[in-house]
C-alpha atoms as a PDB file:
ATOM      1  CA  MET A   1      90.274 -15.048-220.611  1.00  0.00           C
ATOM      2  CA  ASN A   2      86.851 -15.886-219.382  1.00  0.00           C
ATOM      3  CA  PHE A   3      83.545 -13.816-219.530  1.00  0.00           C
ATOM      4  CA  GLU A   4      83.729 -12.686-215.905  1.00  0.00           C
ATOM      5  CA  SER A   5      87.099 -11.143-216.271  1.00  0.00           C
ATOM      6  CA  ILE A   6      86.236  -9.317-219.473  1.00  0.00           C
ATOM      7  CA  TYR A   7      82.862  -8.305-218.023  1.00  0.00           C
ATOM      8  CA  SER A   8      84.625  -6.667-214.815  1.00  0.00           C
ATOM      9  CA  HIS A   9      87.186  -5.251-216.826  1.00  0.00           C
ATOM     10  CA  CYS A  10      84.781  -3.496-219.288  1.00  0.00           C
ATOM     11  CA  ILE A  11      82.138  -2.346-216.761  1.00  0.00           C
ATOM     12  CA  SER A  12      84.867  -0.776-214.481  1.00  0.00           C
ATOM     13  CA  LYS A  13      85.744   1.632-217.161  1.00  0.00           C
ATOM     14  CA  PRO A  14      84.381   5.291-216.772  1.00  0.00           C
ATOM     15  CA  HIS A  15      81.265   6.118-218.559  1.00  0.00           C
ATOM     16  CA  VAL A  16      80.542   2.212-219.825  1.00  0.00           C
ATOM     17  CA  HIS A  17      77.132   0.831-219.801  1.00  0.00           C
ATOM     18  CA  GLU A  18      75.727  -2.554-221.181  1.00  0.00           C
ATOM     19  CA  ASP A  19      73.385  -3.239-223.546  1.00  0.00           C
ATOM     20  CA  TYR A  20      71.784  -6.087-225.620  1.00  0.00           C
ATOM     21  CA  PRO A  21      70.600  -4.167-228.801  1.00  0.00           C
ATOM     22  CA  PHE A  22      71.080  -7.059-231.238  1.00  0.00           C
ATOM     23  CA  ASP A  23      69.460 -10.186-229.520  1.00  0.00           C
ATOM     24  CA  LYS A  24      69.271 -11.895-226.010  1.00  0.00           C
ATOM     25  CA  THR A  25      72.817 -13.059-225.867  1.00  0.00           C
ATOM     26  CA  THR A  26      75.149 -10.577-227.638  1.00  0.00           C
ATOM     27  CA  LEU A  27      76.333  -8.393-224.734  1.00  0.00           C
ATOM     28  CA  VAL A  28      77.655  -4.957-226.019  1.00  0.00           C
ATOM     29  CA  PHE A  29      79.738  -2.410-224.128  1.00  0.00           C
ATOM     30  CA  LYS A  30      79.448   1.113-224.873  1.00  0.00           C
ATOM     31  CA  VAL A  31      80.848   4.530-224.018  1.00  0.00           C
ATOM     32  CA  GLY A  32      78.610   7.290-224.847  1.00  0.00           C
ATOM     33  CA  ALA A  33      76.356   5.759-227.259  1.00  0.00           C
ATOM     34  CA  LYS A  34      78.893   3.928-229.383  1.00  0.00           C
ATOM     35  CA  MET A  35      80.132   0.184-229.076  1.00  0.00           C
ATOM     36  CA  PHE A  36      83.757  -0.781-228.001  1.00  0.00           C
ATOM     37  CA  LEU A  37      83.352  -4.504-227.230  1.00  0.00           C
ATOM     38  CA  LEU A  38      80.841  -7.193-228.228  1.00  0.00           C
ATOM     39  CA  ILE A  39      80.556 -10.873-226.553  1.00  0.00           C
ATOM     40  CA  ASP A  40      78.180 -13.580-226.648  1.00  0.00           C
ATOM     41  CA  SER A  41      77.264 -13.748-223.050  1.00  0.00           C
ATOM     42  CA  PHE A  42      75.708 -17.485-223.578  1.00  0.00           C
ATOM     43  CA  ASN A  43      78.748 -18.839-225.446  1.00  0.00           C
ATOM     44  CA  PRO A  44      81.750 -16.429-224.749  1.00  0.00           C
ATOM     45  CA  VAL A  45      84.387 -17.873-227.223  1.00  0.00           C
ATOM     46  CA  SER A  46      85.501 -14.436-228.757  1.00  0.00           C
ATOM     47  CA  ILE A  47      85.101 -10.811-228.393  1.00  0.00           C
ATOM     48  CA  ASN A  48      85.032  -8.208-231.009  1.00  0.00           C
ATOM     49  CA  VAL A  49      86.808  -4.948-230.382  1.00  0.00           C
ATOM     50  CA  LYS A  50      87.628  -1.727-232.261  1.00  0.00           C
ATOM     51  CA  CYS A  51      91.160  -1.277-233.522  1.00  0.00           C
ATOM     52  CA  ASN A  52      93.318   1.021-235.359  1.00  0.00           C
ATOM     53  CA  PRO A  53      93.830  -0.383-238.715  1.00  0.00           C
ATOM     54  CA  GLU A  54      97.697  -0.574-238.801  1.00  0.00           C
ATOM     55  CA  LYS A  55      97.670  -2.264-235.116  1.00  0.00           C
ATOM     56  CA  ALA A  56      94.971  -4.541-236.277  1.00  0.00           C
ATOM     57  CA  ILE A  57      97.364  -5.832-239.059  1.00  0.00           C
ATOM     58  CA  GLU A  58     100.079  -6.216-236.818  1.00  0.00           C
ATOM     59  CA  LEU A  59      97.896  -8.262-234.229  1.00  0.00           C
ATOM     60  CA  ARG A  60      96.608 -10.482-236.944  1.00  0.00           C
ATOM     61  CA  GLU A  61     100.241 -11.228-238.186  1.00  0.00           C
ATOM     62  CA  GLN A  62     101.360 -11.921-234.552  1.00  0.00           C
ATOM     63  CA  PHE A  63      98.511 -13.992-233.482  1.00  0.00           C
ATOM     64  CA  ASP A  64      96.374 -16.831-235.414  1.00  0.00           C
ATOM     65  CA  GLY A  65      93.694 -16.209-232.918  1.00  0.00           C
ATOM     66  CA  ILE A  66      92.973 -12.659-233.881  1.00  0.00           C
ATOM     67  CA  LYS A  67      90.866 -12.106-237.105  1.00  0.00           C
ATOM     68  CA  PRO A  68      89.156  -9.363-239.023  1.00  0.00           C
ATOM     69  CA  GLY A  69      86.050  -8.395-236.993  1.00  0.00           C
ATOM     70  CA  PHE A  70      83.271 -11.143-237.337  1.00  0.00           C
ATOM     71  CA  HIS A  71      80.057  -9.308-238.859  1.00  0.00           C
ATOM     72  CA  MET A  72      82.020  -5.981-238.485  1.00  0.00           C
ATOM     73  CA  ASN A  73      83.823  -3.467-240.467  1.00  0.00           C
ATOM     74  CA  LYS A  74      86.934  -5.571-241.166  1.00  0.00           C
ATOM     75  CA  LYS A  75      89.193  -2.591-241.377  1.00  0.00           C
ATOM     76  CA  HIS A  76      88.370  -1.172-237.941  1.00  0.00           C
ATOM     77  CA  TRP A  77      87.418  -4.024-235.955  1.00  0.00           C
ATOM     78  CA  ILE A  78      89.070  -7.552-234.919  1.00  0.00           C
ATOM     79  CA  THR A  79      87.837 -10.861-233.554  1.00  0.00           C
ATOM     80  CA  ILE A  80      89.897 -12.500-230.699  1.00  0.00           C
ATOM     81  CA  ASP A  81      89.295 -15.949-229.941  1.00  0.00           C
ATOM     82  CA  LEU A  82      89.354 -16.224-226.338  1.00  0.00           C
ATOM     83  CA  PHE A  83      90.779 -20.075-226.312  1.00  0.00           C
ATOM     84  CA  ALA A  84      93.494 -19.231-228.813  1.00  0.00           C
ATOM     85  CA  GLY A  85      96.200 -18.810-226.224  1.00  0.00           C
ATOM     86  CA  ILE A  86      96.612 -15.204-226.630  1.00  0.00           C
ATOM     87  CA  PRO A  87      98.153 -13.647-223.489  1.00  0.00           C
ATOM     88  CA  GLU A  88      95.631 -11.876-220.941  1.00  0.00           C
ATOM     89  CA  ASN A  89      97.544  -8.831-221.110  1.00  0.00           C
ATOM     90  CA  THR A  90      97.362  -8.692-224.835  1.00  0.00           C
ATOM     91  CA  VAL A  91      93.634  -9.068-224.591  1.00  0.00           C
ATOM     92  CA  LEU A  92      93.411  -6.371-221.908  1.00  0.00           C
ATOM     93  CA  GLU A  93      95.384  -4.155-223.982  1.00  0.00           C
ATOM     94  CA  CYS A  94      92.981  -4.783-227.022  1.00  0.00           C
ATOM     95  CA  ILE A  95      90.145  -3.796-224.824  1.00  0.00           C
ATOM     96  CA  ASN A  96      91.661  -0.857-223.452  1.00  0.00           C
ATOM     97  CA  HIS A  97      92.784   0.396-227.024  1.00  0.00           C
ATOM     98  CA  SER A  98      89.225  -0.190-228.185  1.00  0.00           C
ATOM     99  CA  TYR A  99      87.727   1.815-225.430  1.00  0.00           C
ATOM    100  CA  ASP A 100      90.212   4.660-225.920  1.00  0.00           C
ATOM    101  CA  LEU A 101      89.503   4.818-229.688  1.00  0.00           C
ATOM    102  CA  VAL A 102      85.834   4.918-229.240  1.00  0.00           C
ATOM    103  CA  PHE A 103      86.033   7.773-226.228  1.00  0.00           C
ATOM    104  CA  LYS A 104      88.224   9.882-228.415  1.00  0.00           C
ATOM    105  CA  SER A 105      85.706   9.539-231.238  1.00  0.00           C
ATOM    106  CA  LEU A 106      82.890  11.138-229.240  1.00  0.00           C
ATOM    107  CA  SER A 107      82.479  14.705-229.560  1.00  0.00           C
ATOM    108  CA  LYS A 108      84.518  16.876-227.506  1.00  0.00           C
ATOM    109  CA  LYS A 109      81.460  18.330-225.777  1.00  0.00           C
ATOM    110  CA  LEU A 110      80.260  14.740-224.921  1.00  0.00           C
ATOM    111  CA  GLN A 111      83.597  13.874-223.715  1.00  0.00           C
ATOM    112  CA  GLU A 112      83.772  16.983-221.450  1.00  0.00           C
ATOM    113  CA  GLN A 113      80.149  16.242-220.246  1.00  0.00           C
ATOM    114  CA  LEU A 114      80.955  12.397-219.498  1.00  0.00           C
ATOM    115  CA  VAL A 115      84.332  13.654-217.388  1.00  0.00           C
ATOM    116  CA  GLN A 116      82.369  16.234-215.597  1.00  0.00           C
ATOM    117  CA  ASP A 117      79.536  13.569-214.761  1.00  0.00           C
ATOM    118  CA  LEU A 118      82.236  11.596-213.462  1.00  0.00           C
ATOM    119  CA  ALA A 119      83.757  14.161-211.314  1.00  0.00           C
ATOM    120  CA  LYS A 120      80.490  14.959-209.715  1.00  0.00           C
ATOM    121  CA  ASN A 121      79.919  11.133-208.420  1.00  0.00           C
END
């Protein structure tokens, strides 16, 4: 999967915005104020996504190209090597799972506000 496909998929999700909070190349996608995906926009060889701990173990056992999150909480984040032959649908499922986990972790009030804002537009 390439950078453009990942970018398009992430930015098309409701309430998502992009940021460069760490440096000039690490692109972070957020929902609310919380991160759900990180990718190096200059050298996009992998992505970091949030993941349910049990699902993370299953994915790491199934794919050599999925490791504990690089520079992240190893229990709740995974790093996906984009050149390890992982099927595109699996990568997209991981991105969607990460987005869903983060959105659900937002306060109910913020979730409702974001949904209402989307309905207005």
